[in-house]
C-alpha atoms as a PDB file:
ATOM      1  CA  MET A   1     118.043 112.343  95.427  1.00  0.00           C
ATOM      2  CA  THR A   2     117.190 115.654  96.954  1.00  0.00           C
ATOM      3  CA  ALA A   3     113.698 116.621  97.925  1.00  0.00           C
ATOM      4  CA  GLU A   4     111.844 118.899  95.561  1.00  0.00           C
ATOM      5  CA  PRO A   5     111.031 122.310  97.017  1.00  0.00           C
ATOM      6  CA  LEU A   6     107.401 122.599  98.018  1.00  0.00           C
ATOM      7  CA  GLU A   7     107.019 125.770  95.966  1.00  0.00           C
ATOM      8  CA  ARG A   8     107.403 123.670  92.824  1.00  0.00           C
ATOM      9  CA  PHE A   9     103.960 122.256  93.496  1.00  0.00           C
ATOM     10  CA  LEU A  10     102.006 125.263  94.687  1.00  0.00           C
ATOM     11  CA  ASP A  11     100.949 126.165  91.148  1.00  0.00           C
ATOM     12  CA  ARG A  12      99.277 122.749  90.870  1.00  0.00           C
ATOM     13  CA  ARG A  13      96.881 123.409  93.721  1.00  0.00           C
ATOM     14  CA  ALA A  14      94.032 124.342  91.409  1.00  0.00           C
ATOM     15  CA  ARG A  15      94.393 121.074  89.518  1.00  0.00           C
ATOM     16  CA  LEU A  16      94.624 119.126  92.750  1.00  0.00           C
ATOM     17  CA  ALA A  17      91.417 120.605  94.121  1.00  0.00           C
ATOM     18  CA  ALA A  18      89.208 117.568  93.896  1.00  0.00           C
ATOM     19  CA  ALA A  19      86.505 118.257  96.410  1.00  0.00           C
ATOM     20  CA  GLY A  20      84.123 121.043  97.254  1.00  0.00           C
ATOM     21  CA  PRO A  21      85.149 124.619  97.981  1.00  0.00           C
ATOM     22  CA  ASP A  22      85.201 124.005 101.739  1.00  0.00           C
ATOM     23  CA  GLU A  23      87.972 121.408 101.527  1.00  0.00           C
ATOM     24  CA  ALA A  24      91.646 122.259 101.279  1.00  0.00           C
ATOM     25  CA  SER A  25      93.516 121.418  98.082  1.00  0.00           C
ATOM     26  CA  PRO A  26      96.104 118.719  98.739  1.00  0.00           C
ATOM     27  CA  ILE A  27      99.787 119.470  98.231  1.00  0.00           C
ATOM     28  CA  LEU A  28     101.983 116.951  96.451  1.00  0.00           C
ATOM     29  CA  ARG A  29     105.251 116.435  98.330  1.00  0.00           C
ATOM     30  CA  THR A  30     107.859 113.864  99.283  1.00  0.00           C
ATOM     31  CA  ALA A  31     106.849 111.639 102.201  1.00  0.00           C
ATOM     32  CA  ARG A  32     108.361 112.288 105.628  1.00  0.00           C
ATOM     33  CA  GLU A  33     109.102 109.850 108.406  1.00  0.00           C
ATOM     34  CA  SER A  34     106.392 111.537 110.473  1.00  0.00           C
ATOM     35  CA  ASP A  35     103.860 110.527 107.770  1.00  0.00           C
ATOM     36  CA  LEU A  36     104.254 106.804 108.468  1.00  0.00           C
ATOM     37  CA  PRO A  37     101.282 106.410 110.876  1.00  0.00           C
ATOM     38  CA  GLU A  38      99.021 108.328 108.507  1.00  0.00           C
ATOM     39  CA  LEU A  39     100.306 106.350 105.506  1.00  0.00           C
ATOM     40  CA  ARG A  40      99.482 103.093 107.310  1.00  0.00           C
ATOM     41  CA  ARG A  41      95.983 104.390 108.101  1.00  0.00           C
ATOM     42  CA  LEU A  42      95.337 105.395 104.493  1.00  0.00           C
ATOM     43  CA  ASP A  43      96.740 102.127 103.128  1.00  0.00           C
ATOM     44  CA  ARG A  44      94.517 100.080 105.467  1.00  0.00           C
ATOM     45  CA  GLU A  45      91.479 102.190 104.544  1.00  0.00           C
ATOM     46  CA  VAL A  46      91.992 101.633 100.833  1.00  0.00           C
ATOM     47  CA  PHE A  47      93.559  98.179 100.567  1.00  0.00           C
ATOM     48  CA  GLN A  48      92.039  96.561 103.676  1.00  0.00           C
ATOM     49  CA  GLU A  49      93.166  92.909 103.919  1.00  0.00           C
ATOM     50  CA  VAL A  50      96.000  93.371 101.403  1.00  0.00           C
ATOM     51  CA  ALA A  51      97.387  96.550 103.000  1.00  0.00           C
ATOM     52  CA  TYR A  52     101.091  96.665 103.728  1.00  0.00           C
ATOM     53  CA  PRO A  53     102.011  95.688 107.291  1.00  0.00           C
ATOM     54  CA  GLY A  54     103.396  98.577 109.336  1.00  0.00           C
ATOM     55  CA  PHE A  55     106.920  97.150 109.534  1.00  0.00           C
ATOM     56  CA  LEU A  56     107.074  96.822 105.742  1.00  0.00           C
ATOM     57  CA  PHE A  57     105.878 100.396 105.221  1.00  0.00           C
ATOM     58  CA  ARG A  58     108.713 101.481 107.517  1.00  0.00           C
ATOM     59  CA  GLN A  59     111.309  99.548 105.532  1.00  0.00           C
ATOM     60  CA  LEU A  60     109.948 100.712 102.174  1.00  0.00           C
ATOM     61  CA  TYR A  61     110.175 104.292 103.409  1.00  0.00           C
ATOM     62  CA  ASP A  62     113.776 103.736 104.555  1.00  0.00           C
ATOM     63  CA  MET A  63     114.728 102.263 101.186  1.00  0.00           C
ATOM     64  CA  TYR A  64     112.780 104.474  98.773  1.00  0.00           C
ATOM     65  CA  ALA A  65     112.030 107.771 100.554  1.00  0.00           C
ATOM     66  CA  GLY A  66     113.084 109.809  97.512  1.00  0.00           C
ATOM     67  CA  HIS A  67     110.453 108.078  95.406  1.00  0.00           C
ATOM     68  CA  PHE A  68     107.659 108.110  97.985  1.00  0.00           C
ATOM     69  CA  LEU A  69     105.209 110.947  97.293  1.00  0.00           C
ATOM     70  CA  VAL A  70     102.113 111.937  99.226  1.00  0.00           C
ATOM     71  CA  LEU A  71      99.114 114.209  98.854  1.00  0.00           C
ATOM     72  CA  ASP A  72      98.849 116.238 102.064  1.00  0.00           C
ATOM     73  CA  ASP A  73      95.621 118.146 102.711  1.00  0.00           C
ATOM     74  CA  GLY A  74      97.417 120.531 105.082  1.00  0.00           C
ATOM     75  CA  THR A  75      95.730 119.235 108.237  1.00  0.00           C
ATOM     76  CA  GLY A  76      97.885 116.159 108.735  1.00  0.00           C
ATOM     77  CA  THR A  77      95.544 113.918 106.765  1.00  0.00           C
ATOM     78  CA  LEU A  78      97.036 112.250 103.713  1.00  0.00           C
ATOM     79  CA  ARG A  79      94.748 111.775 100.718  1.00  0.00           C
ATOM     80  CA  GLY A  80      97.025 109.674  98.530  1.00  0.00           C
ATOM     81  CA  TYR A  81     100.475 108.304  97.884  1.00  0.00           C
ATOM     82  CA  VAL A  82     102.634 106.705  95.252  1.00  0.00           C
ATOM     83  CA  LEU A  83     105.700 104.602  95.994  1.00  0.00           C
ATOM     84  CA  ALA A  84     108.334 103.474  93.504  1.00  0.00           C
ATOM     85  CA  GLY A  85     111.033 100.946  94.320  1.00  0.00           C
ATOM     86  CA  THR A  86     114.136 101.273  92.183  1.00  0.00           C
ATOM     87  CA  SER A  87     117.122  99.032  91.565  1.00  0.00           C
ATOM     88  CA  ALA A  88     120.344 100.906  91.026  1.00  0.00           C
ATOM     89  CA  LEU A  89     122.079  98.388  88.773  1.00  0.00           C
ATOM     90  CA  ASP A  90     119.720  97.745  85.883  1.00  0.00           C
ATOM     91  CA  ARG A  91     117.766 101.024  85.971  1.00  0.00           C
ATOM     92  CA  ASP A  92     114.427  99.332  86.613  1.00  0.00           C
ATOM     93  CA  SER A  93     111.692 100.534  88.910  1.00  0.00           C
ATOM     94  CA  TRP A  94     108.414  99.117  90.158  1.00  0.00           C
ATOM     95  CA  ILE A  95     105.414 101.131  91.261  1.00  0.00           C
ATOM     96  CA  LEU A  96     104.827  99.414  94.603  1.00  0.00           C
ATOM     97  CA  GLY A  97     101.721 101.355  95.481  1.00  0.00           C
ATOM     98  CA  LEU A  98      99.332 103.979  94.197  1.00  0.00           C
ATOM     99  CA  CYS A  99      96.627 104.972  96.625  1.00  0.00           C
ATOM    100  CA  VAL A 100      93.959 107.684  96.633  1.00  0.00           C
ATOM    101  CA  ALA A 101      91.418 108.062  99.436  1.00  0.00           C
ATOM    102  CA  PRO A 102      87.981 106.850  98.324  1.00  0.00           C
ATOM    103  CA  ASP A 103      86.377 110.268  98.791  1.00  0.00           C
ATOM    104  CA  ARG A 104      88.987 111.925  96.534  1.00  0.00           C
ATOM    105  CA  ARG A 105      88.931 109.535  93.567  1.00  0.00           C
ATOM    106  CA  ARG A 106      88.024 110.405  89.979  1.00  0.00           C
ATOM    107  CA  HIS A 107      89.476 113.898  90.192  1.00  0.00           C
ATOM    108  CA  GLY A 108      92.909 113.346  88.644  1.00  0.00           C
ATOM    109  CA  LEU A 109      94.854 112.819  91.864  1.00  0.00           C
ATOM    110  CA  GLY A 110      96.122 109.373  90.863  1.00  0.00           C
ATOM    111  CA  ARG A 111      97.238 110.790  87.521  1.00  0.00           C
ATOM    112  CA  GLU A 112      98.994 113.672  89.269  1.00  0.00           C
ATOM    113  CA  LEU A 113     100.856 111.291  91.576  1.00  0.00           C
ATOM    114  CA  MET A 114     101.846 108.998  88.705  1.00  0.00           C
ATOM    115  CA  THR A 115     102.917 111.862  86.443  1.00  0.00           C
ATOM    116  CA  GLU A 116     105.185 113.310  89.114  1.00  0.00           C
ATOM    117  CA  ILE A 117     106.762 109.982  90.082  1.00  0.00           C
ATOM    118  CA  LEU A 118     107.474 109.229  86.408  1.00  0.00           C
ATOM    119  CA  VAL A 119     109.173 112.631  86.047  1.00  0.00           C
ATOM    120  CA  ARG A 120     111.339 111.892  89.087  1.00  0.00           C
ATOM    121  CA  LEU A 121     112.183 108.372  87.929  1.00  0.00           C
ATOM    122  CA  ARG A 122     113.165 109.598  84.478  1.00  0.00           C
ATOM    123  CA  ARG A 123     115.326 112.319  86.048  1.00  0.00           C
ATOM    124  CA  SER A 124     117.008 109.653  88.218  1.00  0.00           C
ATOM    125  CA  GLY A 125     118.018 107.682  85.130  1.00  0.00           C
ATOM    126  CA  VAL A 126     115.441 104.917  85.418  1.00  0.00           C
ATOM    127  CA  GLU A 127     114.800 103.280  82.050  1.00  0.00           C
ATOM    128  CA  ARG A 128     111.842 100.949  82.722  1.00  0.00           C
ATOM    129  CA  VAL A 129     108.911 101.109  85.110  1.00  0.00           C
ATOM    130  CA  ARG A 130     106.663  98.160  85.854  1.00  0.00           C
ATOM    131  CA  LEU A 131     103.583  97.731  87.988  1.00  0.00           C
ATOM    132  CA  THR A 132     100.932  95.171  88.703  1.00  0.00           C
ATOM    133  CA  VAL A 133      97.216  95.799  88.756  1.00  0.00           C
ATOM    134  CA  GLU A 134      94.229  93.671  89.684  1.00  0.00           C
ATOM    135  CA  PRO A 135      92.794  92.478  86.335  1.00  0.00           C
ATOM    136  CA  GLY A 136      89.291  93.739  87.137  1.00  0.00           C
ATOM    137  CA  ASN A 137      90.405  97.246  88.115  1.00  0.00           C
ATOM    138  CA  SER A 138      89.462  98.853  84.811  1.00  0.00           C
ATOM    139  CA  ALA A 139      89.802 102.440  86.113  1.00  0.00           C
ATOM    140  CA  ALA A 140      93.425 101.839  87.136  1.00  0.00           C
ATOM    141  CA  ILE A 141      94.209  99.998  83.895  1.00  0.00           C
ATOM    142  CA  LEU A 142      92.810 102.900  81.859  1.00  0.00           C
ATOM    143  CA  LEU A 143      94.887 105.366  83.873  1.00  0.00           C
ATOM    144  CA  TYR A 144      98.103 103.388  83.404  1.00  0.00           C
ATOM    145  CA  ARG A 145      97.483 102.842  79.692  1.00  0.00           C
ATOM    146  CA  SER A 146      96.822 106.574  79.224  1.00  0.00           C
ATOM    147  CA  LEU A 147     100.257 107.220  80.767  1.00  0.00           C
ATOM    148  CA  GLY A 148     101.897 104.889  78.242  1.00  0.00           C
ATOM    149  CA  PHE A 149     102.044 101.613  80.170  1.00  0.00           C
ATOM    150  CA  ARG A 150     101.531  98.495  78.079  1.00  0.00           C
ATOM    151  CA  PRO A 151     101.037  94.832  79.028  1.00  0.00           C
ATOM    152  CA  GLU A 152     104.260  92.929  79.522  1.00  0.00           C
ATOM    153  CA  GLY A 153     104.341  89.386  78.279  1.00  0.00           C
ATOM    154  CA  PRO A 154     101.745  87.132  76.745  1.00  0.00           C
ATOM    155  CA  HIS A 155      98.030  87.075  77.551  1.00  0.00           C
ATOM    156  CA  GLY A 156      97.809  90.851  77.923  1.00  0.00           C
ATOM    157  CA  GLY A 157     100.277  90.738  80.798  1.00  0.00           C
ATOM    158  CA  LEU A 158      98.004  88.479  82.860  1.00  0.00           C
ATOM    159  CA  ARG A 159      99.918  86.471  85.443  1.00  0.00           C
ATOM    160  CA  ARG A 160      97.754  83.921  87.205  1.00  0.00           C
ATOM    161  CA  ASP A 161      98.375  83.391  90.917  1.00  0.00           C
ATOM    162  CA  TYR A 162     100.990  86.162  90.880  1.00  0.00           C
ATOM    163  CA  PHE A 163     100.501  86.938  94.586  1.00  0.00           C
ATOM    164  CA  GLY A 164      99.283  83.444  95.496  1.00  0.00           C
ATOM    165  CA  PRO A 165      96.359  81.176  94.658  1.00  0.00           C
ATOM    166  CA  GLY A 166      93.557  83.147  93.018  1.00  0.00           C
ATOM    167  CA  MET A 167      95.446  86.451  93.261  1.00  0.00           C
ATOM    168  CA  HIS A 168      95.925  87.230  89.569  1.00  0.00           C
ATOM    169  CA  ARG A 169      97.593  90.414  88.372  1.00  0.00           C
ATOM    170  CA  ARG A 170      98.313  92.201  85.114  1.00  0.00           C
ATOM    171  CA  VAL A 171     101.915  93.328  84.697  1.00  0.00           C
ATOM    172  CA  LEU A 172     102.298  96.582  82.789  1.00  0.00           C
ATOM    173  CA  ARG A 173     105.492  98.236  81.636  1.00  0.00           C
ATOM    174  CA  LEU A 174     106.569 101.703  80.534  1.00  0.00           C
ATOM    175  CA  ASP A 175     109.877 102.391  78.796  1.00  0.00           C
ATOM    176  CA  LEU A 176     111.044 105.817  79.959  1.00  0.00           C
ATOM    177  CA  THR A 177     113.803 106.003  77.342  1.00  0.00           C
ATOM    178  CA  ALA A 178     111.312 105.970  74.475  1.00  0.00           C
ATOM    179  CA  ALA A 179     110.519 109.360  72.989  1.00  0.00           C
ATOM    180  CA  ARG A 180     107.209 110.722  74.291  1.00  0.00           C
END
């Protein structure tokens, strides 16, 4: 997988402008190794006690760098990321993380990240994408459903104790081979 040229995203700057006129519009790009400290900071800020440990972020980057996208505000501060882990054999992928800084939410940045990662996954030949979401996170569930994700399995995709006792998740799935 080759990195997309940055110029491909410059025309999206107006849509990515989510804050006031004094703030820079973030640029959507592939993550770089030098982003790892900032990615860990952002992940801890957003996910707190369930944030990825630093060593795992490093390994996920090493394994899935081509499907690790960030929103860069141009000052070295990252405002969001999406990470997809893909298996080569059965053409499946999992969204392992979608993160938008709290002060930049509700402006379409999560949708922009998800839309771009789905384009890249489809182009890579991925057939199915799955993700998990906290059952009470209605904003995220609405976003994923609007992108075509549907519950996988019985009970609306609810899997009790998925991440351990009391850590329930909904599993959602999107078939990329279906006509859209």
